[in-house]
N, C-alpha and C. Protein backbone atom coordinates (compact mmCIF):
# COMPACT_ATOMS: atom_id res chain seq x y z
N MET A 1 -59.44 30.80 50.32
CA MET A 1 -60.87 30.74 49.87
C MET A 1 -60.82 30.26 48.34
N ARG A 2 -61.99 29.42 48.07
CA ARG A 2 -61.93 28.70 46.89
C ARG A 2 -62.54 29.71 45.71
N TYR A 3 -63.36 30.50 46.23
CA TYR A 3 -64.03 31.60 45.10
C TYR A 3 -63.82 32.91 45.68
N PRO A 4 -62.57 33.60 45.42
CA PRO A 4 -62.25 34.89 46.00
C PRO A 4 -63.25 35.98 45.56
N ASP A 5 -63.87 35.79 44.34
CA ASP A 5 -64.79 36.88 43.88
C ASP A 5 -66.19 36.74 44.49
N GLY A 6 -66.47 35.64 45.35
CA GLY A 6 -67.61 35.50 45.96
C GLY A 6 -68.68 34.81 45.22
N ILE A 7 -68.29 34.29 44.08
CA ILE A 7 -69.36 33.56 43.17
C ILE A 7 -68.62 32.43 42.59
N LYS A 8 -69.44 31.29 42.38
CA LYS A 8 -69.13 30.18 41.50
C LYS A 8 -69.96 30.20 40.30
N TYR A 9 -69.48 30.00 39.25
CA TYR A 9 -70.28 29.96 37.95
C TYR A 9 -69.85 28.91 37.08
N SER A 10 -70.69 28.42 36.22
CA SER A 10 -70.57 27.51 35.03
C SER A 10 -71.45 27.75 34.06
N LEU A 11 -71.05 28.48 33.01
CA LEU A 11 -71.93 28.93 31.72
C LEU A 11 -71.48 27.98 30.61
N ILE A 12 -72.47 27.35 30.01
CA ILE A 12 -72.13 26.28 28.98
C ILE A 12 -73.27 26.47 27.82
N CYS A 13 -72.62 26.41 26.66
CA CYS A 13 -73.49 26.40 25.52
C CYS A 13 -72.88 25.40 24.57
N LEU A 14 -73.56 24.39 24.20
CA LEU A 14 -73.01 23.16 23.52
C LEU A 14 -74.14 23.02 22.18
N ASN A 15 -73.58 22.76 21.01
CA ASN A 15 -74.29 22.43 19.90
C ASN A 15 -74.24 20.87 19.89
N ILE A 16 -75.32 20.16 20.18
CA ILE A 16 -75.31 18.70 20.36
C ILE A 16 -75.01 18.09 19.10
N ARG A 17 -75.36 18.64 17.97
CA ARG A 17 -74.88 17.96 16.63
C ARG A 17 -73.58 18.23 16.20
N THR A 18 -72.96 19.22 16.52
CA THR A 18 -71.53 19.35 15.99
C THR A 18 -70.40 19.31 17.26
N GLN A 19 -71.11 19.26 18.49
CA GLN A 19 -70.22 19.11 19.71
C GLN A 19 -69.38 20.43 19.96
N LYS A 20 -69.61 21.49 19.08
CA LYS A 20 -68.80 22.75 19.42
C LYS A 20 -69.43 23.32 20.70
N ARG A 21 -68.55 23.82 21.64
CA ARG A 21 -68.93 24.31 22.78
C ARG A 21 -68.25 25.72 23.08
N VAL A 22 -68.86 26.33 24.15
CA VAL A 22 -68.28 27.40 24.84
C VAL A 22 -68.80 27.29 26.12
N LEU A 23 -67.63 27.40 27.16
CA LEU A 23 -67.83 27.29 28.58
C LEU A 23 -67.09 28.34 29.13
N LEU A 24 -67.56 28.91 30.35
CA LEU A 24 -66.88 29.79 31.14
C LEU A 24 -67.16 29.27 32.51
N ASP A 25 -66.03 28.99 33.31
CA ASP A 25 -66.32 28.49 34.67
C ASP A 25 -65.15 28.75 35.54
N ASN A 26 -65.31 28.59 36.76
CA ASN A 26 -64.18 28.82 37.77
C ASN A 26 -64.03 27.86 38.77
N HIS A 27 -64.16 26.57 38.50
CA HIS A 27 -64.14 25.59 39.68
C HIS A 27 -62.71 25.47 40.14
N HIS A 28 -62.86 25.12 41.47
CA HIS A 28 -61.56 25.00 42.21
C HIS A 28 -60.77 23.77 41.78
N PRO A 29 -59.42 23.77 41.30
CA PRO A 29 -58.50 24.72 41.91
C PRO A 29 -58.09 25.61 40.70
N LYS A 30 -58.66 25.52 39.55
CA LYS A 30 -58.30 26.21 38.28
C LYS A 30 -58.56 27.71 38.38
N GLY A 31 -59.57 28.17 38.98
CA GLY A 31 -60.09 29.50 38.97
C GLY A 31 -60.80 29.88 37.65
N PRO A 32 -61.03 31.07 37.33
CA PRO A 32 -61.72 31.49 36.14
C PRO A 32 -60.92 31.13 34.99
N HIS A 33 -61.68 30.44 34.00
CA HIS A 33 -61.17 30.00 32.61
C HIS A 33 -62.26 29.76 31.75
N LEU A 34 -61.91 29.62 30.54
CA LEU A 34 -62.91 29.54 29.44
C LEU A 34 -62.57 28.37 28.52
N HIS A 35 -63.30 27.76 27.78
CA HIS A 35 -63.14 26.68 26.88
C HIS A 35 -63.96 27.06 25.71
N ILE A 36 -63.18 27.01 24.51
CA ILE A 36 -63.71 26.86 23.21
C ILE A 36 -63.43 25.65 22.58
N ASP A 37 -64.43 24.92 22.46
CA ASP A 37 -63.99 23.45 22.11
C ASP A 37 -63.08 22.90 22.80
N ASP A 38 -62.06 22.47 22.42
CA ASP A 38 -60.96 21.72 23.20
C ASP A 38 -59.87 22.62 23.58
N ILE A 39 -60.03 23.87 23.33
CA ILE A 39 -59.09 25.03 23.86
C ILE A 39 -59.43 25.56 25.18
N GLU A 40 -58.56 25.57 26.16
CA GLU A 40 -58.78 26.14 27.38
C GLU A 40 -57.83 27.37 27.51
N ALA A 41 -58.39 28.50 28.18
CA ALA A 41 -57.49 29.74 28.28
C ALA A 41 -57.98 30.38 29.72
N GLU A 42 -57.15 31.17 30.03
CA GLU A 42 -57.51 31.85 31.51
C GLU A 42 -58.54 32.96 31.07
N TYR A 43 -59.53 33.24 32.06
CA TYR A 43 -60.40 34.25 31.97
C TYR A 43 -60.28 35.13 33.01
N VAL A 44 -60.34 36.42 32.92
CA VAL A 44 -60.29 37.41 34.03
C VAL A 44 -61.71 37.81 34.40
N PHE A 45 -62.15 37.35 35.62
CA PHE A 45 -63.60 37.81 36.03
C PHE A 45 -63.48 39.21 36.54
N LYS A 46 -64.38 40.09 36.02
CA LYS A 46 -64.39 41.40 36.61
C LYS A 46 -65.75 41.74 37.13
N SER A 47 -66.90 41.20 36.64
CA SER A 47 -68.20 41.36 37.20
C SER A 47 -69.18 40.30 36.52
N VAL A 48 -70.44 40.16 37.23
CA VAL A 48 -71.40 39.29 36.73
C VAL A 48 -71.88 39.79 35.28
N ALA A 49 -71.97 41.10 35.19
CA ALA A 49 -72.47 41.76 33.95
C ALA A 49 -71.60 41.52 32.89
N GLU A 50 -70.18 41.79 33.16
CA GLU A 50 -69.24 41.36 32.06
C GLU A 50 -68.99 39.98 31.72
N LEU A 51 -69.26 39.20 32.73
CA LEU A 51 -69.18 37.73 32.43
C LEU A 51 -70.29 37.28 31.50
N MET A 52 -71.48 37.70 31.75
CA MET A 52 -72.69 37.38 30.87
C MET A 52 -72.43 38.03 29.52
N ALA A 53 -71.93 39.31 29.36
CA ALA A 53 -71.63 39.93 28.21
C ALA A 53 -70.60 39.08 27.18
N ASP A 54 -69.62 38.67 28.04
CA ASP A 54 -68.56 37.96 27.39
C ASP A 54 -68.96 36.62 26.90
N PHE A 55 -69.87 36.00 27.73
CA PHE A 55 -70.30 34.56 27.33
C PHE A 55 -71.22 34.69 26.12
N THR A 56 -72.13 35.82 26.08
CA THR A 56 -73.12 36.12 24.92
C THR A 56 -72.35 36.39 23.68
N ARG A 57 -71.26 37.19 23.76
CA ARG A 57 -70.37 37.45 22.68
C ARG A 57 -69.66 36.20 22.13
N LEU A 58 -69.02 35.35 22.96
CA LEU A 58 -68.37 34.31 22.69
C LEU A 58 -69.37 33.12 22.00
N VAL A 59 -70.47 32.99 22.53
CA VAL A 59 -71.48 32.07 21.99
C VAL A 59 -71.77 32.65 20.49
N PHE A 60 -72.06 33.83 20.32
CA PHE A 60 -72.40 34.29 18.94
C PHE A 60 -71.23 34.12 18.05
N GLU A 61 -69.98 34.57 18.40
CA GLU A 61 -68.83 34.42 17.53
C GLU A 61 -68.52 33.02 17.14
N HIS A 62 -68.61 32.10 18.23
CA HIS A 62 -68.25 30.65 17.86
C HIS A 62 -69.41 29.95 17.31
N LEU A 63 -70.52 29.93 17.85
CA LEU A 63 -71.63 29.09 17.56
C LEU A 63 -72.65 29.83 16.56
N GLY A 64 -72.65 31.14 16.41
CA GLY A 64 -73.45 31.80 15.63
C GLY A 64 -75.02 31.90 16.18
N VAL A 65 -74.99 31.83 17.48
CA VAL A 65 -76.28 31.83 18.12
C VAL A 65 -76.36 33.10 18.94
N LYS A 66 -77.46 33.63 18.95
CA LYS A 66 -77.84 35.00 19.74
C LYS A 66 -78.48 34.53 20.88
N LEU A 67 -77.91 34.94 22.12
CA LEU A 67 -78.71 34.61 23.31
C LEU A 67 -79.51 35.78 23.86
């Protein structure tokens, strides 16, 4: 199964001026992972609510933007 959690997601926030970015996605075959600019790291998906909270927190911490 390509998406064992039953959900496919791609959350992206990009500052078009500075090109700073935060992404959380789970495309096949990599599975859940995140990108902070050019750094990629594994992400542990627990729930949609936690995914949204993590994305909101990362965007604020890295880009200074409140969602």
